[in-house]
């Protein structure tokens, strides 16, 4: 039987890292994949990593995933601030055995989420 190589889930890896980073920075936010049930504009701000795809691989060494992080908040300025903070903190990550490298693709892109009414900002 050949060796089977698998990789960590990029969404989970980024969520775990973001939760640690935001705690270290003293931010009061929730971090999880997707939006918490019942989240509303009066809720604590939320960061949601989402896998946008895996455009390339270097099997069996690595996969190169694009992960979008969406900040949910009650004000556009807060969503943009949190997205920029998450972006900067992730890009400063020196790498480890789960996430070897992080680079920037896009800065904060603001919008409004029609389902929750939240002001959002996304980075990749």
PDB file of N, CA and C in Angstrom:
ATOM      1  N   UNK A   1       0.849  -1.182   0.000  1.00  0.00           N
ATOM      2  CA  UNK A   1       0.000   0.000   0.000  1.00  0.00           C
ATOM      3  C   UNK A   1       0.896   1.246   0.000  1.00  0.00           C
ATOM      4  N   UNK A   2       0.596   2.207  -0.860  1.00  0.00           N
ATOM      5  CA  UNK A   2       1.411   3.427  -0.918  1.00  0.00           C
ATOM      6  C   UNK A   2       1.154   4.320   0.300  1.00  0.00           C
ATOM      7  N   UNK A   3       2.135   5.178   0.585  1.00  0.00           N
ATOM      8  CA  UNK A   3       1.940   6.173   1.654  1.00  0.00           C
ATOM      9  C   UNK A   3       0.859   7.151   1.231  1.00  0.00           C
ATOM     10  N   UNK A   4      -0.046   7.427   2.144  1.00  0.00           N
ATOM     11  CA  UNK A   4      -1.111   8.385   1.878  1.00  0.00           C
ATOM     12  C   UNK A   4      -0.815   9.655   2.659  1.00  0.00           C
ATOM     13  N   UNK A   5      -0.744  10.759   1.960  1.00  0.00           N
ATOM     14  CA  UNK A   5      -0.449  12.047   2.587  1.00  0.00           C
ATOM     15  C   UNK A   5      -1.709  12.903   2.604  1.00  0.00           C
ATOM     16  N   UNK A   6      -2.056  13.399   3.756  1.00  0.00           N
ATOM     17  CA  UNK A   6      -3.187  14.305   3.894  1.00  0.00           C
ATOM     18  C   UNK A   6      -2.711  15.606   4.502  1.00  0.00           C
ATOM     19  N   UNK A   7      -3.547  16.610   4.451  1.00  0.00           N
ATOM     20  CA  UNK A   7      -3.192  17.943   4.907  1.00  0.00           C
ATOM     21  C   UNK A   7      -4.243  18.460   5.879  1.00  0.00           C
ATOM     22  N   UNK A   8      -3.848  19.358   6.778  1.00  0.00           N
ATOM     23  CA  UNK A   8      -4.835  19.939   7.706  1.00  0.00           C
ATOM     24  C   UNK A   8      -5.885  20.750   6.937  1.00  0.00           C
ATOM     25  N   UNK A   9      -7.060  20.867   7.525  1.00  0.00           N
ATOM     26  CA  UNK A   9      -8.127  21.690   6.953  1.00  0.00           C
ATOM     27  C   UNK A   9      -7.704  23.161   7.080  1.00  0.00           C
ATOM     28  N   UNK A  10      -7.538  23.881   5.964  1.00  0.00           N
ATOM     29  CA  UNK A  10      -7.079  25.266   6.030  1.00  0.00           C
ATOM     30  C   UNK A  10      -8.001  26.189   6.838  1.00  0.00           C
ATOM     31  N   UNK A  11      -9.320  25.987   6.731  1.00  0.00           N
ATOM     32  CA  UNK A  11     -10.247  26.819   7.507  1.00  0.00           C
ATOM     33  C   UNK A  11     -10.029  26.641   9.000  1.00  0.00           C
ATOM     34  N   UNK A  12      -9.906  25.396   9.436  1.00  0.00           N
ATOM     35  CA  UNK A  12      -9.709  25.109  10.857  1.00  0.00           C
ATOM     36  C   UNK A  12      -8.368  25.660  11.320  1.00  0.00           C
ATOM     37  N   UNK A  13      -7.326  25.471  10.516  1.00  0.00           N
ATOM     38  CA  UNK A  13      -5.993  25.960  10.888  1.00  0.00           C
ATOM     39  C   UNK A  13      -5.996  27.479  11.045  1.00  0.00           C
ATOM     40  N   UNK A  14      -6.631  28.183  10.118  1.00  0.00           N
ATOM     41  CA  UNK A  14      -6.679  29.645  10.203  1.00  0.00           C
ATOM     42  C   UNK A  14      -7.573  30.082  11.365  1.00  0.00           C
ATOM     43  N   UNK A  15      -8.688  29.411  11.586  1.00  0.00           N
ATOM     44  CA  UNK A  15      -9.559  29.755  12.718  1.00  0.00           C
ATOM     45  C   UNK A  15      -8.811  29.606  14.036  1.00  0.00           C
ATOM     46  N   UNK A  16      -8.093  28.503  14.203  1.00  0.00           N
ATOM     47  CA  UNK A  16      -7.331  28.286  15.436  1.00  0.00           C
ATOM     48  C   UNK A  16      -6.261  29.350  15.627  1.00  0.00           C
ATOM     49  N   UNK A  17      -5.538  29.663  14.547  1.00  0.00           N
ATOM     50  CA  UNK A  17      -4.498  30.683  14.625  1.00  0.00           C
ATOM     51  C   UNK A  17      -5.101  32.053  14.932  1.00  0.00           C
ATOM     52  N   UNK A  18      -6.176  32.411  14.236  1.00  0.00           N
ATOM     53  CA  UNK A  18      -6.822  33.711  14.471  1.00  0.00           C
ATOM     54  C   UNK A  18      -7.330  33.848  15.904  1.00  0.00           C
ATOM     55  N   UNK A  19      -7.894  32.782  16.435  1.00  0.00           N
ATOM     56  CA  UNK A  19      -8.390  32.828  17.808  1.00  0.00           C
ATOM     57  C   UNK A  19      -7.240  33.136  18.771  1.00  0.00           C
ATOM     58  N   UNK A  20      -6.109  32.485  18.574  1.00  0.00           N
ATOM     59  CA  UNK A  20      -4.926  32.753  19.410  1.00  0.00           C
ATOM     60  C   UNK A  20      -4.427  34.186  19.219  1.00  0.00           C
ATOM     61  N   UNK A  21      -4.320  34.617  17.968  1.00  0.00           N
ATOM     62  CA  UNK A  21      -3.798  35.961  17.684  1.00  0.00           C
ATOM     63  C   UNK A  21      -4.700  37.052  18.253  1.00  0.00           C
ATOM     64  N   UNK A  22      -6.001  36.915  18.067  1.00  0.00           N
ATOM     65  CA  UNK A  22      -6.922  37.943  18.561  1.00  0.00           C
ATOM     66  C   UNK A  22      -6.904  37.999  20.083  1.00  0.00           C
ATOM     67  N   UNK A  23      -6.776  36.837  20.731  1.00  0.00           N
ATOM     68  CA  UNK A  23      -6.656  36.814  22.191  1.00  0.00           C
ATOM     69  C   UNK A  23      -5.392  37.508  22.655  1.00  0.00           C
ATOM     70  N   UNK A  24      -4.290  37.243  21.975  1.00  0.00           N
ATOM     71  CA  UNK A  24      -3.010  37.878  22.307  1.00  0.00           C
ATOM     72  C   UNK A  24      -3.099  39.394  22.132  1.00  0.00           C
ATOM     73  N   UNK A  25      -3.838  39.833  21.134  1.00  0.00           N
ATOM     74  CA  UNK A  25      -3.983  41.269  20.861  1.00  0.00           C
ATOM     75  C   UNK A  25      -5.037  41.928  21.760  1.00  0.00           C
ATOM     76  N   UNK A  26      -5.729  41.125  22.575  1.00  0.00           N
ATOM     77  CA  UNK A  26      -6.718  41.676  23.491  1.00  0.00           C
ATOM     78  C   UNK A  26      -8.041  42.047  22.844  1.00  0.00           C
ATOM     79  N   UNK A  27      -8.321  41.483  21.683  1.00  0.00           N
ATOM     80  CA  UNK A  27      -9.575  41.785  20.974  1.00  0.00           C
ATOM     81  C   UNK A  27     -10.712  40.921  21.502  1.00  0.00           C
ATOM     82  N   UNK A  28     -11.879  41.521  21.648  1.00  0.00           N
ATOM     83  CA  UNK A  28     -13.079  40.791  22.033  1.00  0.00           C
ATOM     84  C   UNK A  28     -13.853  40.465  20.767  1.00  0.00           C
ATOM     85  N   UNK A  29     -13.604  39.271  20.248  1.00  0.00           N
ATOM     86  CA  UNK A  29     -14.267  38.789  19.035  1.00  0.00           C
ATOM     87  C   UNK A  29     -14.481  37.290  19.176  1.00  0.00           C
ATOM     88  N   UNK A  30     -15.429  36.778  18.427  1.00  0.00           N
ATOM     89  CA  UNK A  30     -15.548  35.334  18.288  1.00  0.00           C
ATOM     90  C   UNK A  30     -14.883  34.955  16.970  1.00  0.00           C
ATOM     91  N   UNK A  31     -14.380  33.748  16.906  1.00  0.00           N
ATOM     92  CA  UNK A  31     -13.736  33.246  15.692  1.00  0.00           C
ATOM     93  C   UNK A  31     -14.243  31.836  15.463  1.00  0.00           C
ATOM     94  N   UNK A  32     -14.808  31.603  14.294  1.00  0.00           N
ATOM     95  CA  UNK A  32     -15.267  30.263  13.944  1.00  0.00           C
ATOM     96  C   UNK A  32     -15.593  30.235  12.465  1.00  0.00           C
ATOM     97  N   UNK A  33     -15.677  29.035  11.940  1.00  0.00           N
ATOM     98  CA  UNK A  33     -16.073  28.868  10.545  1.00  0.00           C
ATOM     99  C   UNK A  33     -17.568  29.147  10.447  1.00  0.00           C
ATOM    100  N   UNK A  34     -17.940  30.045   9.570  1.00  0.00           N
ATOM    101  CA  UNK A  34     -19.338  30.445   9.443  1.00  0.00           C
ATOM    102  C   UNK A  34     -19.728  31.464  10.499  1.00  0.00           C
ATOM    103  N   UNK A  35     -20.966  31.879  10.435  1.00  0.00           N
ATOM    104  CA  UNK A  35     -21.495  32.874  11.366  1.00  0.00           C
ATOM    105  C   UNK A  35     -22.288  32.145  12.450  1.00  0.00           C
ATOM    106  N   UNK A  36     -22.058  32.491  13.716  1.00  0.00           N
ATOM    107  CA  UNK A  36     -22.809  31.812  14.777  1.00  0.00           C
ATOM    108  C   UNK A  36     -24.321  31.981  14.603  1.00  0.00           C
ATOM    109  N   UNK A  37     -25.055  30.931  14.905  1.00  0.00           N
ATOM    110  CA  UNK A  37     -26.519  30.986  14.840  1.00  0.00           C
ATOM    111  C   UNK A  37     -27.001  32.108  15.756  1.00  0.00           C
ATOM    112  N   UNK A  38     -27.895  32.931  15.252  1.00  0.00           N
ATOM    113  CA  UNK A  38     -28.448  34.018  16.044  1.00  0.00           C
ATOM    114  C   UNK A  38     -27.584  35.268  16.080  1.00  0.00           C
ATOM    115  N   UNK A  39     -26.472  35.276  15.320  1.00  0.00           N
ATOM    116  CA  UNK A  39     -25.616  36.452  15.330  1.00  0.00           C
ATOM    117  C   UNK A  39     -26.402  37.634  14.768  1.00  0.00           C
ATOM    118  N   UNK A  40     -26.296  38.775  15.450  1.00  0.00           N
ATOM    119  CA  UNK A  40     -26.955  40.000  14.993  1.00  0.00           C
ATOM    120  C   UNK A  40     -26.049  41.196  15.194  1.00  0.00           C
ATOM    121  N   UNK A  41     -26.505  42.334  14.739  1.00  0.00           N
ATOM    122  CA  UNK A  41     -25.679  43.543  14.785  1.00  0.00           C
ATOM    123  C   UNK A  41     -25.301  43.948  16.203  1.00  0.00           C
ATOM    124  N   UNK A  42     -26.040  43.490  17.211  1.00  0.00           N
ATOM    125  CA  UNK A  42     -25.683  43.820  18.588  1.00  0.00           C
ATOM    126  C   UNK A  42     -24.764  42.767  19.214  1.00  0.00           C
ATOM    127  N   UNK A  43     -24.435  41.722  18.450  1.00  0.00           N
ATOM    128  CA  UNK A  43     -23.547  40.659  18.954  1.00  0.00           C
ATOM    129  C   UNK A  43     -22.099  41.122  18.958  1.00  0.00           C
ATOM    130  N   UNK A  44     -21.267  40.373  19.681  1.00  0.00           N
ATOM    131  CA  UNK A  44     -19.821  40.600  19.670  1.00  0.00           C
ATOM    132  C   UNK A  44     -19.331  40.414  18.230  1.00  0.00           C
ATOM    133  N   UNK A  45     -18.403  41.254  17.756  1.00  0.00           N
ATOM    134  CA  UNK A  45     -17.883  41.068  16.401  1.00  0.00           C
ATOM    135  C   UNK A  45     -17.357  39.649  16.189  1.00  0.00           C
ATOM    136  N   UNK A  46     -17.369  39.233  14.939  1.00  0.00           N
ATOM    137  CA  UNK A  46     -17.033  37.847  14.605  1.00  0.00           C
ATOM    138  C   UNK A  46     -16.092  37.814  13.409  1.00  0.00           C
ATOM    139  N   UNK A  47     -15.117  36.895  13.451  1.00  0.00           N
ATOM    140  CA  UNK A  47     -14.236  36.628  12.324  1.00  0.00           C
ATOM    141  C   UNK A  47     -14.500  35.219  11.818  1.00  0.00           C
ATOM    142  N   UNK A  48     -14.756  35.101  10.514  1.00  0.00           N
ATOM    143  CA  UNK A  48     -15.090  33.801   9.921  1.00  0.00           C
ATOM    144  C   UNK A  48     -14.155  33.473   8.765  1.00  0.00           C
ATOM    145  N   UNK A  49     -13.210  32.544   8.960  1.00  0.00           N
ATOM    146  CA  UNK A  49     -12.393  32.093   7.838  1.00  0.00           C
ATOM    147  C   UNK A  49     -13.206  31.195   6.909  1.00  0.00           C
ATOM    148  N   UNK A  50     -12.929  31.289   5.607  1.00  0.00           N
ATOM    149  CA  UNK A  50     -13.623  30.460   4.625  1.00  0.00           C
ATOM    150  C   UNK A  50     -12.647  30.082   3.512  1.00  0.00           C
ATOM    151  N   UNK A  51     -12.600  28.821   3.180  1.00  0.00           N
ATOM    152  CA  UNK A  51     -11.719  28.337   2.124  1.00  0.00           C
ATOM    153  C   UNK A  51     -12.252  28.776   0.766  1.00  0.00           C
ATOM    154  N   UNK A  52     -11.428  29.508   0.022  1.00  0.00           N
ATOM    155  CA  UNK A  52     -11.804  29.922  -1.334  1.00  0.00           C
ATOM    156  C   UNK A  52     -11.266  28.966  -2.392  1.00  0.00           C
ATOM    157  N   UNK A  53     -10.492  27.987  -1.976  1.00  0.00           N
ATOM    158  CA  UNK A  53      -9.992  26.991  -2.915  1.00  0.00           C
ATOM    159  C   UNK A  53      -8.538  26.663  -2.668  1.00  0.00           C
ATOM    160  N   UNK A  54      -8.075  25.673  -3.384  1.00  0.00           N
ATOM    161  CA  UNK A  54      -6.686  25.231  -3.296  1.00  0.00           C
ATOM    162  C   UNK A  54      -6.126  25.272  -4.715  1.00  0.00           C
ATOM    163  N   UNK A  55      -5.623  26.443  -5.114  1.00  0.00           N
ATOM    164  CA  UNK A  55      -5.216  26.607  -6.511  1.00  0.00           C
ATOM    165  C   UNK A  55      -3.983  25.819  -6.926  1.00  0.00           C
ATOM    166  N   UNK A  56      -3.150  25.421  -5.967  1.00  0.00           N
ATOM    167  CA  UNK A  56      -1.980  24.635  -6.344  1.00  0.00           C
ATOM    168  C   UNK A  56      -1.541  23.743  -5.189  1.00  0.00           C
ATOM    169  N   UNK A  57      -0.798  22.704  -5.560  1.00  0.00           N
ATOM    170  CA  UNK A  57      -0.263  21.781  -4.558  1.00  0.00           C
ATOM    171  C   UNK A  57       1.183  21.457  -4.906  1.00  0.00           C
ATOM    172  N   UNK A  58       1.901  20.999  -3.921  1.00  0.00           N
ATOM    173  CA  UNK A  58       3.253  20.489  -4.088  1.00  0.00           C
ATOM    174  C   UNK A  58       3.270  19.161  -3.340  1.00  0.00           C
ATOM    175  N   UNK A  59       2.421  18.243  -3.811  1.00  0.00           N
ATOM    176  CA  UNK A  59       2.229  16.961  -3.142  1.00  0.00           C
ATOM    177  C   UNK A  59       3.517  16.159  -3.192  1.00  0.00           C
ATOM    178  N   UNK A  60       3.962  15.553  -2.139  1.00  0.00           N
ATOM    179  CA  UNK A  60       3.314  15.374  -0.846  1.00  0.00           C
ATOM    180  C   UNK A  60       3.776  16.369   0.208  1.00  0.00           C
ATOM    181  N   UNK A  61       4.285  17.520  -0.214  1.00  0.00           N
ATOM    182  CA  UNK A  61       4.856  18.467   0.739  1.00  0.00           C
ATOM    183  C   UNK A  61       3.822  19.450   1.276  1.00  0.00           C
ATOM    184  N   UNK A  62       3.062  20.072   0.400  1.00  0.00           N
ATOM    185  CA  UNK A  62       2.173  21.154   0.844  1.00  0.00           C
ATOM    186  C   UNK A  62       1.023  21.366  -0.131  1.00  0.00           C
ATOM    187  N   UNK A  63      -0.019  22.008   0.370  1.00  0.00           N
ATOM    188  CA  UNK A  63      -1.079  22.560  -0.475  1.00  0.00           C
ATOM    189  C   UNK A  63      -1.093  24.069  -0.240  1.00  0.00           C
ATOM    190  N   UNK A  64      -1.434  24.799  -1.260  1.00  0.00           N
ATOM    191  CA  UNK A  64      -1.480  26.256  -1.178  1.00  0.00           C
ATOM    192  C   UNK A  64      -2.937  26.672  -1.266  1.00  0.00           C
ATOM    193  N   UNK A  65      -3.490  27.003  -0.125  1.00  0.00           N
ATOM    194  CA  UNK A  65      -4.920  27.314  -0.038  1.00  0.00           C
ATOM    195  C   UNK A  65      -5.125  28.817   0.030  1.00  0.00           C
ATOM    196  N   UNK A  66      -6.225  29.268  -0.545  1.00  0.00           N
ATOM    197  CA  UNK A  66      -6.641  30.651  -0.399  1.00  0.00           C
ATOM    198  C   UNK A  66      -7.769  30.676   0.619  1.00  0.00           C
ATOM    199  N   UNK A  67      -7.539  31.381   1.728  1.00  0.00           N
ATOM    200  CA  UNK A  67      -8.536  31.474   2.789  1.00  0.00           C
ATOM    201  C   UNK A  67      -8.941  32.936   2.936  1.00  0.00           C
ATOM    202  N   UNK A  68     -10.234  33.163   2.817  1.00  0.00           N
ATOM    203  CA  UNK A  68     -10.817  34.495   3.018  1.00  0.00           C
ATOM    204  C   UNK A  68     -11.208  34.599   4.479  1.00  0.00           C
ATOM    205  N   UNK A  69     -10.976  35.762   5.083  1.00  0.00           N
ATOM    206  CA  UNK A  69     -11.439  36.016   6.447  1.00  0.00           C
ATOM    207  C   UNK A  69     -12.442  37.151   6.371  1.00  0.00           C
ATOM    208  N   UNK A  70     -13.652  36.896   6.883  1.00  0.00           N
ATOM    209  CA  UNK A  70     -14.708  37.904   6.864  1.00  0.00           C
ATOM    210  C   UNK A  70     -14.952  38.380   8.290  1.00  0.00           C
ATOM    211  N   UNK A  71     -14.878  39.691   8.478  1.00  0.00           N
ATOM    212  CA  UNK A  71     -15.171  40.305   9.776  1.00  0.00           C
ATOM    213  C   UNK A  71     -16.609  40.789   9.771  1.00  0.00           C
ATOM    214  N   UNK A  72     -17.369  40.434  10.801  1.00  0.00           N
ATOM    215  CA  UNK A  72     -18.759  40.852  10.980  1.00  0.00           C
ATOM    216  C   UNK A  72     -18.818  41.808  12.165  1.00  0.00           C
ATOM    217  N   UNK A  73     -19.442  42.961  11.973  1.00  0.00           N
ATOM    218  CA  UNK A  73     -19.540  43.947  13.048  1.00  0.00           C
ATOM    219  C   UNK A  73     -20.778  44.811  12.835  1.00  0.00           C
ATOM    220  N   UNK A  74     -21.071  45.657  13.828  1.00  0.00           N
ATOM    221  CA  UNK A  74     -22.253  46.512  13.705  1.00  0.00           C
ATOM    222  C   UNK A  74     -21.953  47.799  12.942  1.00  0.00           C
ATOM    223  N   UNK A  75     -20.688  48.184  12.822  1.00  0.00           N
ATOM    224  CA  UNK A  75     -20.291  49.373  12.063  1.00  0.00           C
ATOM    225  C   UNK A  75     -19.305  48.980  10.970  1.00  0.00           C
ATOM    226  N   UNK A  76     -19.401  49.620   9.823  1.00  0.00           N
ATOM    227  CA  UNK A  76     -18.477  49.365   8.730  1.00  0.00           C
ATOM    228  C   UNK A  76     -17.035  49.626   9.148  1.00  0.00           C
ATOM    229  N   UNK A  77     -16.815  50.704   9.887  1.00  0.00           N
ATOM    230  CA  UNK A  77     -15.448  51.030  10.310  1.00  0.00           C
ATOM    231  C   UNK A  77     -14.870  49.945  11.214  1.00  0.00           C
ATOM    232  N   UNK A  78     -15.701  49.333  12.056  1.00  0.00           N
ATOM    233  CA  UNK A  78     -15.229  48.264  12.935  1.00  0.00           C
ATOM    234  C   UNK A  78     -14.945  46.994  12.137  1.00  0.00           C
ATOM    235  N   UNK A  79     -15.790  46.670  11.182  1.00  0.00           N
ATOM    236  CA  UNK A  79     -15.545  45.495  10.342  1.00  0.00           C
ATOM    237  C   UNK A  79     -14.234  45.664   9.566  1.00  0.00           C
ATOM    238  N   UNK A  80     -14.013  46.851   9.001  1.00  0.00           N
ATOM    239  CA  UNK A  80     -12.767  47.098   8.259  1.00  0.00           C
ATOM    240  C   UNK A  80     -11.552  47.055   9.183  1.00  0.00           C
ATOM    241  N   UNK A  81     -11.687  47.607  10.393  1.00  0.00           N
ATOM    242  CA  UNK A  81     -10.582  47.598  11.351  1.00  0.00           C
ATOM    243  C   UNK A  81     -10.213  46.165  11.735  1.00  0.00           C
ATOM    244  N   UNK A  82     -11.227  45.355  12.052  1.00  0.00           N
ATOM    245  CA  UNK A  82     -10.969  43.967  12.444  1.00  0.00           C
ATOM    246  C   UNK A  82     -10.403  43.142  11.291  1.00  0.00           C
ATOM    247  N   UNK A  83     -10.920  43.353  10.090  1.00  0.00           N
ATOM    248  CA  UNK A  83     -10.392  42.630   8.931  1.00  0.00           C
ATOM    249  C   UNK A  83      -8.929  43.003   8.698  1.00  0.00           C
ATOM    250  N   UNK A  84      -8.612  44.291   8.792  1.00  0.00           N
ATOM    251  CA  UNK A  84      -7.231  44.739   8.594  1.00  0.00           C
ATOM    252  C   UNK A  84      -6.322  44.197   9.700  1.00  0.00           C
ATOM    253  N   UNK A  85      -6.822  44.167  10.931  1.00  0.00           N
ATOM    254  CA  UNK A  85      -6.038  43.640  12.043  1.00  0.00           C
ATOM    255  C   UNK A  85      -5.774  42.144  11.855  1.00  0.00           C
ATOM    256  N   UNK A  86      -6.810  41.396  11.500  1.00  0.00           N
ATOM    257  CA  UNK A  86      -6.650  39.960  11.255  1.00  0.00           C
ATOM    258  C   UNK A  86      -5.662  39.731  10.112  1.00  0.00           C
ATOM    259  N   UNK A  87      -5.801  40.511   9.063  1.00  0.00           N
ATOM    260  CA  UNK A  87      -4.921  40.421   7.895  1.00  0.00           C
ATOM    261  C   UNK A  87      -3.465  40.650   8.298  1.00  0.00           C
ATOM    262  N   UNK A  88      -3.223  41.720   9.034  1.00  0.00           N
ATOM    263  CA  UNK A  88      -1.871  42.034   9.473  1.00  0.00           C
ATOM    264  C   UNK A  88      -1.298  40.986  10.406  1.00  0.00           C
ATOM    265  N   UNK A  89      -2.119  40.523  11.338  1.00  0.00           N
ATOM    266  CA  UNK A  89      -1.657  39.514  12.291  1.00  0.00           C
ATOM    267  C   UNK A  89      -1.337  38.197  11.586  1.00  0.00           C
ATOM    268  N   UNK A  90      -2.187  37.799  10.646  1.00  0.00           N
ATOM    269  CA  UNK A  90      -1.929  36.565   9.907  1.00  0.00           C
ATOM    270  C   UNK A  90      -0.663  36.689   9.058  1.00  0.00           C
ATOM    271  N   UNK A  91      -0.505  37.814   8.380  1.00  0.00           N
ATOM    272  CA  UNK A  91       0.675  37.998   7.524  1.00  0.00           C
ATOM    273  C   UNK A  91       1.967  38.068   8.332  1.00  0.00           C
ATOM    274  N   UNK A  92       1.888  38.441   9.605  1.00  0.00           N
ATOM    275  CA  UNK A  92       3.072  38.493  10.472  1.00  0.00           C
ATOM    276  C   UNK A  92       3.420  37.121  11.053  1.00  0.00           C
ATOM    277  N   UNK A  93       2.543  36.138  10.876  1.00  0.00           N
ATOM    278  CA  UNK A  93       2.785  34.797  11.412  1.00  0.00           C
ATOM    279  C   UNK A  93       4.061  34.221  10.798  1.00  0.00           C
ATOM    280  N   UNK A  94       5.006  33.788  11.641  1.00  0.00           N
ATOM    281  CA  UNK A  94       6.291  33.312  11.116  1.00  0.00           C
ATOM    282  C   UNK A  94       6.249  31.916  10.499  1.00  0.00           C
ATOM    283  N   UNK A  95       5.141  31.229  10.648  1.00  0.00           N
ATOM    284  CA  UNK A  95       5.037  29.870  10.125  1.00  0.00           C
ATOM    285  C   UNK A  95       5.251  28.842  11.226  1.00  0.00           C
ATOM    286  N   UNK A  96       4.651  27.675  11.050  1.00  0.00           N
ATOM    287  CA  UNK A  96       4.798  26.572  11.990  1.00  0.00           C
ATOM    288  C   UNK A  96       4.549  25.273  11.233  1.00  0.00           C
ATOM    289  N   UNK A  97       4.360  24.185  11.929  1.00  0.00           N
ATOM    290  CA  UNK A  97       4.187  22.897  11.255  1.00  0.00           C
ATOM    291  C   UNK A  97       2.832  22.756  10.564  1.00  0.00           C
ATOM    292  N   UNK A  98       1.840  23.553  10.964  1.00  0.00           N
ATOM    293  CA  UNK A  98       0.517  23.483  10.336  1.00  0.00           C
ATOM    294  C   UNK A  98       0.382  24.486   9.199  1.00  0.00           C
ATOM    295  N   UNK A  99       0.803  25.718   9.448  1.00  0.00           N
ATOM    296  CA  UNK A  99       0.748  26.781   8.439  1.00  0.00           C
ATOM    297  C   UNK A  99       2.184  27.249   8.213  1.00  0.00           C
ATOM    298  N   UNK A 100       2.753  26.851   7.090  1.00  0.00           N
ATOM    299  CA  UNK A 100       4.156  27.169   6.829  1.00  0.00           C
ATOM    300  C   UNK A 100       4.369  28.623   6.425  1.00  0.00           C
ATOM    301  N   UNK A 101       3.393  29.201   5.727  1.00  0.00           N
ATOM    302  CA  UNK A 101       3.575  30.557   5.200  1.00  0.00           C
ATOM    303  C   UNK A 101       2.216  31.190   4.928  1.00  0.00           C
ATOM    304  N   UNK A 102       2.127  32.474   5.170  1.00  0.00           N
ATOM    305  CA  UNK A 102       0.918  33.242   4.849  1.00  0.00           C
ATOM    306  C   UNK A 102       1.336  34.463   4.053  1.00  0.00           C
ATOM    307  N   UNK A 103       0.640  34.713   2.961  1.00  0.00           N
ATOM    308  CA  UNK A 103       0.880  35.934   2.192  1.00  0.00           C
ATOM    309  C   UNK A 103      -0.454  36.584   1.861  1.00  0.00           C
ATOM    310  N   UNK A 104      -0.394  37.842   1.527  1.00  0.00           N
ATOM    311  CA  UNK A 104      -1.589  38.642   1.272  1.00  0.00           C
ATOM    312  C   UNK A 104      -2.002  38.572  -0.192  1.00  0.00           C
ATOM    313  N   UNK A 105      -3.305  38.501  -0.413  1.00  0.00           N
ATOM    314  CA  UNK A 105      -3.842  38.635  -1.767  1.00  0.00           C
ATOM    315  C   UNK A 105      -4.647  39.928  -1.904  1.00  0.00           C
ATOM    316  N   UNK A 106      -5.547  40.172  -0.943  1.00  0.00           N
ATOM    317  CA  UNK A 106      -6.366  41.385  -1.014  1.00  0.00           C
ATOM    318  C   UNK A 106      -6.525  41.995   0.367  1.00  0.00           C
ATOM    319  N   UNK A 107      -6.650  43.305   0.400  1.00  0.00           N
ATOM    320  CA  UNK A 107      -6.939  44.011   1.637  1.00  0.00           C
ATOM    321  C   UNK A 107      -8.441  44.053   1.880  1.00  0.00           C
ATOM    322  N   UNK A 108      -8.862  44.788   2.904  1.00  0.00           N
ATOM    323  CA  UNK A 108     -10.285  44.806   3.277  1.00  0.00           C
ATOM    324  C   UNK A 108     -11.220  45.265   2.146  1.00  0.00           C
ATOM    325  N   UNK A 109     -12.238  44.466   1.937  1.00  0.00           N
ATOM    326  CA  UNK A 109     -13.295  44.776   0.977  1.00  0.00           C
ATOM    327  C   UNK A 109     -14.600  44.857   1.755  1.00  0.00           C
ATOM    328  N   UNK A 110     -15.137  46.079   1.970  1.00  0.00           N
ATOM    329  CA  UNK A 110     -16.356  46.222   2.774  1.00  0.00           C
ATOM    330  C   UNK A 110     -17.626  45.897   1.992  1.00  0.00           C
ATOM    331  N   UNK A 111     -18.634  45.474   2.728  1.00  0.00           N
ATOM    332  CA  UNK A 111     -19.952  45.175   2.158  1.00  0.00           C
ATOM    333  C   UNK A 111     -20.937  45.069   3.314  1.00  0.00           C
ATOM    334  N   UNK A 112     -22.184  44.724   2.990  1.00  0.00           N
ATOM    335  CA  UNK A 112     -23.197  44.448   4.013  1.00  0.00           C
ATOM    336  C   UNK A 112     -23.763  43.062   3.752  1.00  0.00           C
ATOM    337  N   UNK A 113     -23.865  42.263   4.816  1.00  0.00           N
ATOM    338  CA  UNK A 113     -24.413  40.919   4.713  1.00  0.00           C
ATOM    339  C   UNK A 113     -25.932  41.001   4.778  1.00  0.00           C
ATOM    340  N   UNK A 114     -26.630  40.628   3.700  1.00  0.00           N
ATOM    341  CA  UNK A 114     -28.088  40.748   3.693  1.00  0.00           C
ATOM    342  C   UNK A 114     -28.787  39.801   4.667  1.00  0.00           C
ATOM    343  N   UNK A 115     -28.141  38.682   5.016  1.00  0.00           N
ATOM    344  CA  UNK A 115     -28.778  37.717   5.914  1.00  0.00           C
ATOM    345  C   UNK A 115     -28.777  38.184   7.365  1.00  0.00           C
ATOM    346  N   UNK A 116     -27.671  38.786   7.811  1.00  0.00           N
ATOM    347  CA  UNK A 116     -27.551  39.186   9.217  1.00  0.00           C
ATOM    348  C   UNK A 116     -27.710  40.686   9.428  1.00  0.00           C
ATOM    349  N   UNK A 117     -27.609  41.459   8.336  1.00  0.00           N
ATOM    350  CA  UNK A 117     -27.626  42.907   8.451  1.00  0.00           C
ATOM    351  C   UNK A 117     -26.289  43.463   8.923  1.00  0.00           C
ATOM    352  N   UNK A 118     -25.287  42.592   9.055  1.00  0.00           N
ATOM    353  CA  UNK A 118     -23.971  43.001   9.545  1.00  0.00           C
ATOM    354  C   UNK A 118     -23.221  43.793   8.497  1.00  0.00           C
ATOM    355  N   UNK A 119     -22.399  44.701   8.990  1.00  0.00           N
ATOM    356  CA  UNK A 119     -21.382  45.317   8.153  1.00  0.00           C
ATOM    357  C   UNK A 119     -20.251  44.302   8.129  1.00  0.00           C
ATOM    358  N   UNK A 120     -19.721  44.020   6.954  1.00  0.00           N
ATOM    359  CA  UNK A 120     -18.659  43.046   6.839  1.00  0.00           C
ATOM    360  C   UNK A 120     -17.488  43.630   6.065  1.00  0.00           C
ATOM    361  N   UNK A 121     -16.340  43.016   6.241  1.00  0.00           N
ATOM    362  CA  UNK A 121     -15.165  43.332   5.445  1.00  0.00           C
ATOM    363  C   UNK A 121     -14.377  42.042   5.296  1.00  0.00           C
ATOM    364  N   UNK A 122     -13.960  41.750   4.080  1.00  0.00           N
ATOM    365  CA  UNK A 122     -13.244  40.502   3.805  1.00  0.00           C
ATOM    366  C   UNK A 122     -11.825  40.787   3.347  1.00  0.00           C
ATOM    367  N   UNK A 123     -10.913  39.910   3.747  1.00  0.00           N
ATOM    368  CA  UNK A 123      -9.522  39.946   3.291  1.00  0.00           C
ATOM    369  C   UNK A 123      -9.122  38.540   2.865  1.00  0.00           C
ATOM    370  N   UNK A 124      -8.138  38.470   1.964  1.00  0.00           N
ATOM    371  CA  UNK A 124      -7.560  37.172   1.604  1.00  0.00           C
ATOM    372  C   UNK A 124      -6.062  37.295   1.636  1.00  0.00           C
TER     373      UNK A 124
END
